[in-house]
Structure formats: C-alpha cells, structure tokens
Amino acid sequence: MIRKTRMDLGWEIKELAKLLNVTEDAAINWEYRRKHPQLHLLKSVVEFLRPHVNGSIPEEEFWELCFQNDKFYPQTQETFGDQLRATRMQNFLSITELASKLGVDPTSVARWELSESEPSIENKAKLMDWFASFEV
C-alpha cells in the first residue's frame, strides 16, 4: 500500500523518506515488506496513506493491515472491549492518554478493554461520545 500510494503520487522514494523522517532504506524495506514500520513511526505512515486510500479498501481491512504485526491489536471487534482497544490504538493513544481524556483511572480503561468490567453509565456515555467523534 505504501509503494502503490507513493507511485500513484509520482514521488521518488527519497521524497517519501523525507516526509516520514526516515532513511530511504527504511522506506524501501516497508515497501517490499522486508520490515514493518515500528509503532512510533506508524502514525506518520497512516497519516500519509489515509487521504489516498479514500475508501479503496474497507476501513477495518485498512486498520488490520496497519496493525498486522501488533499482538495487542484485536483480531476481531466483537466485544465492546475489542472495539475500545481498536479505536484507542487507531488513534495512537496509550491507555493512560485515553484515561486522561475521559477523566478516569487507567486501570478502568484496561479492565474495560479486557472485558473484565463494564464502564458505569456515565463513563459509557463519555466513551460513546468519544467513539462518535471519529465517525465521518
């Protein structure tokens, strides 16, 4: 997807590497699937790809590709906890950062993601507002 997008834009590898603030070798390795972007670089890659993917693949498939090597990304999103974790990760937030945004303890967020507990009605409303802020 990285290579196709770069080529569709008519960019050389050095232009992509400069945009992503990585070496040309790193960008080449990602394009040829020799390596995958480290998590701290994935946000830049997603920001590069998102405007150009433009619905050409389903949203869920896009995120599965982005996080295919992250053992913490949910394989399915059947539970509320899985949906919460996936949405948090897609927004490149740590549990602590999300907890801060919601005004709750990080332990609560972790327990919700693991389906060990359910958020209170008040916290569920905050979460639903947070989810809704990403809908297009």
Protein backbone atom coordinates (compact mmCIF):
# COMPACT_ATOMS: atom_id res chain seq x y z
CA MET A 1 0.00 0.00 0.00
CA ILE A 2 2.87 2.37 0.76
CA ARG A 3 4.57 1.72 -2.57
CA LYS A 4 1.36 1.98 -4.58
CA THR A 5 0.43 5.27 -2.93
CA ARG A 6 3.90 6.73 -3.45
CA MET A 7 3.93 5.68 -7.10
CA ASP A 8 0.38 6.98 -7.68
CA LEU A 9 1.62 10.35 -6.41
CA GLY A 10 4.66 10.20 -8.71
CA TRP A 11 7.03 10.52 -5.76
CA GLU A 12 10.54 9.18 -5.53
CA ILE A 13 11.50 7.11 -2.51
CA LYS A 14 13.60 9.97 -1.15
CA GLU A 15 10.55 12.24 -1.05
CA LEU A 16 8.59 9.68 0.96
CA ALA A 17 11.51 9.08 3.31
CA LYS A 18 11.87 12.80 3.90
CA LEU A 19 8.14 13.21 4.60
CA LEU A 20 8.19 10.32 7.09
CA ASN A 21 11.52 11.40 8.57
CA VAL A 22 13.14 8.01 7.97
CA THR A 23 16.00 6.72 5.85
CA GLU A 24 15.42 5.71 2.26
CA ASP A 25 16.40 2.16 3.24
CA ALA A 26 13.63 2.07 5.86
CA ALA A 27 11.03 3.21 3.33
CA ILE A 28 12.26 0.66 0.77
CA ASN A 29 12.10 -2.13 3.35
CA TRP A 30 8.50 -1.21 4.19
CA GLU A 31 7.52 -1.08 0.53
CA TYR A 32 8.95 -4.52 -0.16
CA ARG A 33 7.58 -5.96 3.10
CA ARG A 34 11.01 -6.83 4.39
CA LYS A 35 10.19 -4.92 7.56
CA HIS A 36 7.19 -3.14 9.02
CA PRO A 37 7.12 0.36 10.50
CA GLN A 38 7.75 0.46 14.22
CA LEU A 39 4.76 1.60 16.23
CA HIS A 40 6.17 5.07 16.89
CA LEU A 41 6.51 5.58 13.10
CA LEU A 42 3.20 4.01 12.16
CA LYS A 43 1.24 7.19 12.88
CA SER A 44 3.21 9.07 10.18
CA VAL A 45 2.68 6.24 7.71
CA VAL A 46 -1.07 6.20 8.42
CA GLU A 47 -1.25 9.99 8.03
CA PHE A 48 0.47 9.60 4.63
CA LEU A 49 -1.78 6.76 3.46
CA ARG A 50 -5.21 7.76 4.80
CA PRO A 51 -6.09 10.56 2.38
CA HIS A 52 -5.05 8.42 -0.59
CA VAL A 53 -6.75 5.16 0.38
CA ASN A 54 -10.05 7.04 0.22
CA GLY A 55 -12.36 4.06 0.59
CA SER A 56 -10.47 1.85 -1.88
CA ILE A 57 -10.34 -0.81 0.84
CA PRO A 58 -12.75 -1.30 3.74
CA GLU A 59 -11.86 0.65 6.90
CA GLU A 60 -11.47 -2.47 9.01
CA GLU A 61 -9.11 -4.03 6.47
CA PHE A 62 -7.03 -0.84 6.38
CA TRP A 63 -6.50 -0.96 10.14
CA GLU A 64 -5.80 -4.70 10.12
CA LEU A 65 -3.01 -4.05 7.60
CA CYS A 66 -1.62 -1.21 9.68
CA PHE A 67 -1.53 -3.25 12.88
CA GLN A 68 -0.91 -6.70 11.40
CA ASN A 69 2.26 -7.18 13.44
CA ASP A 70 0.93 -5.80 16.72
CA LYS A 71 -0.05 -8.63 19.03
CA PHE A 72 -2.24 -6.27 21.08
CA TYR A 73 -4.50 -5.20 18.21
CA PRO A 74 -7.76 -7.19 18.43
CA GLN A 75 -8.20 -9.92 15.82
CA THR A 76 -11.94 -9.32 15.92
CA GLN A 77 -14.04 -6.49 17.23
CA GLU A 78 -16.95 -8.50 18.53
CA THR A 79 -16.87 -7.19 22.10
CA PHE A 80 -17.09 -3.66 23.45
CA GLY A 81 -13.60 -4.14 24.90
CA ASP A 82 -12.18 -5.11 21.50
CA GLN A 83 -13.84 -2.10 19.86
CA LEU A 84 -12.49 0.18 22.56
CA ARG A 85 -8.94 -1.15 22.22
CA ALA A 86 -9.02 -0.96 18.40
CA THR A 87 -10.34 2.61 18.43
CA ARG A 88 -7.77 3.66 21.03
CA MET A 89 -4.94 2.12 19.02
CA GLN A 90 -6.21 3.61 15.74
CA ASN A 91 -5.94 7.00 17.41
CA PHE A 92 -2.44 6.20 18.67
CA LEU A 93 -3.38 6.72 22.29
CA SER A 94 -1.98 4.84 25.24
CA ILE A 95 -4.36 3.57 27.92
CA THR A 96 -3.12 6.38 30.16
CA GLU A 97 -3.77 9.03 27.50
CA LEU A 98 -7.31 7.79 26.87
CA ALA A 99 -8.00 7.60 30.61
CA SER A 100 -6.84 11.21 30.96
CA LYS A 101 -9.14 12.33 28.12
CA LEU A 102 -12.08 10.57 29.78
CA GLY A 103 -11.20 11.62 33.31
CA VAL A 104 -10.96 8.04 34.60
CA ASP A 105 -8.30 5.79 36.08
CA PRO A 106 -6.09 3.95 33.52
CA THR A 107 -6.85 0.68 35.33
CA SER A 108 -10.52 1.14 34.45
CA VAL A 109 -9.74 1.51 30.75
CA ALA A 110 -7.53 -1.58 30.83
CA ARG A 111 -10.27 -3.60 32.54
CA TRP A 112 -12.87 -2.42 30.00
CA GLU A 113 -10.61 -3.44 27.12
CA LEU A 114 -10.10 -6.88 28.64
CA SER A 115 -13.87 -7.18 29.29
CA GLU A 116 -13.12 -7.65 32.98
CA SER A 117 -15.60 -4.94 33.91
CA GLU A 118 -18.17 -2.67 32.31
CA PRO A 119 -18.00 1.12 32.41
CA SER A 120 -20.59 2.93 34.50
CA ILE A 121 -23.48 4.56 32.65
CA GLU A 122 -21.70 7.93 32.94
CA ASN A 123 -18.40 6.55 31.64
CA LYS A 124 -20.11 4.59 28.87
CA ALA A 125 -21.72 7.86 27.72
CA LYS A 126 -18.26 9.51 27.66
CA LEU A 127 -16.92 6.59 25.64
CA MET A 128 -19.80 6.69 23.19
CA ASP A 129 -19.23 10.44 22.68
CA TRP A 130 -15.54 9.72 22.11
CA PHE A 131 -16.38 6.97 19.58
CA ALA A 132 -18.85 9.28 17.82
CA SER A 133 -16.21 11.97 17.41
CA PHE A 134 -14.45 9.71 14.86
CA GLU A 135 -17.46 8.90 12.70
CA VAL A 136 -17.47 10.53 9.32
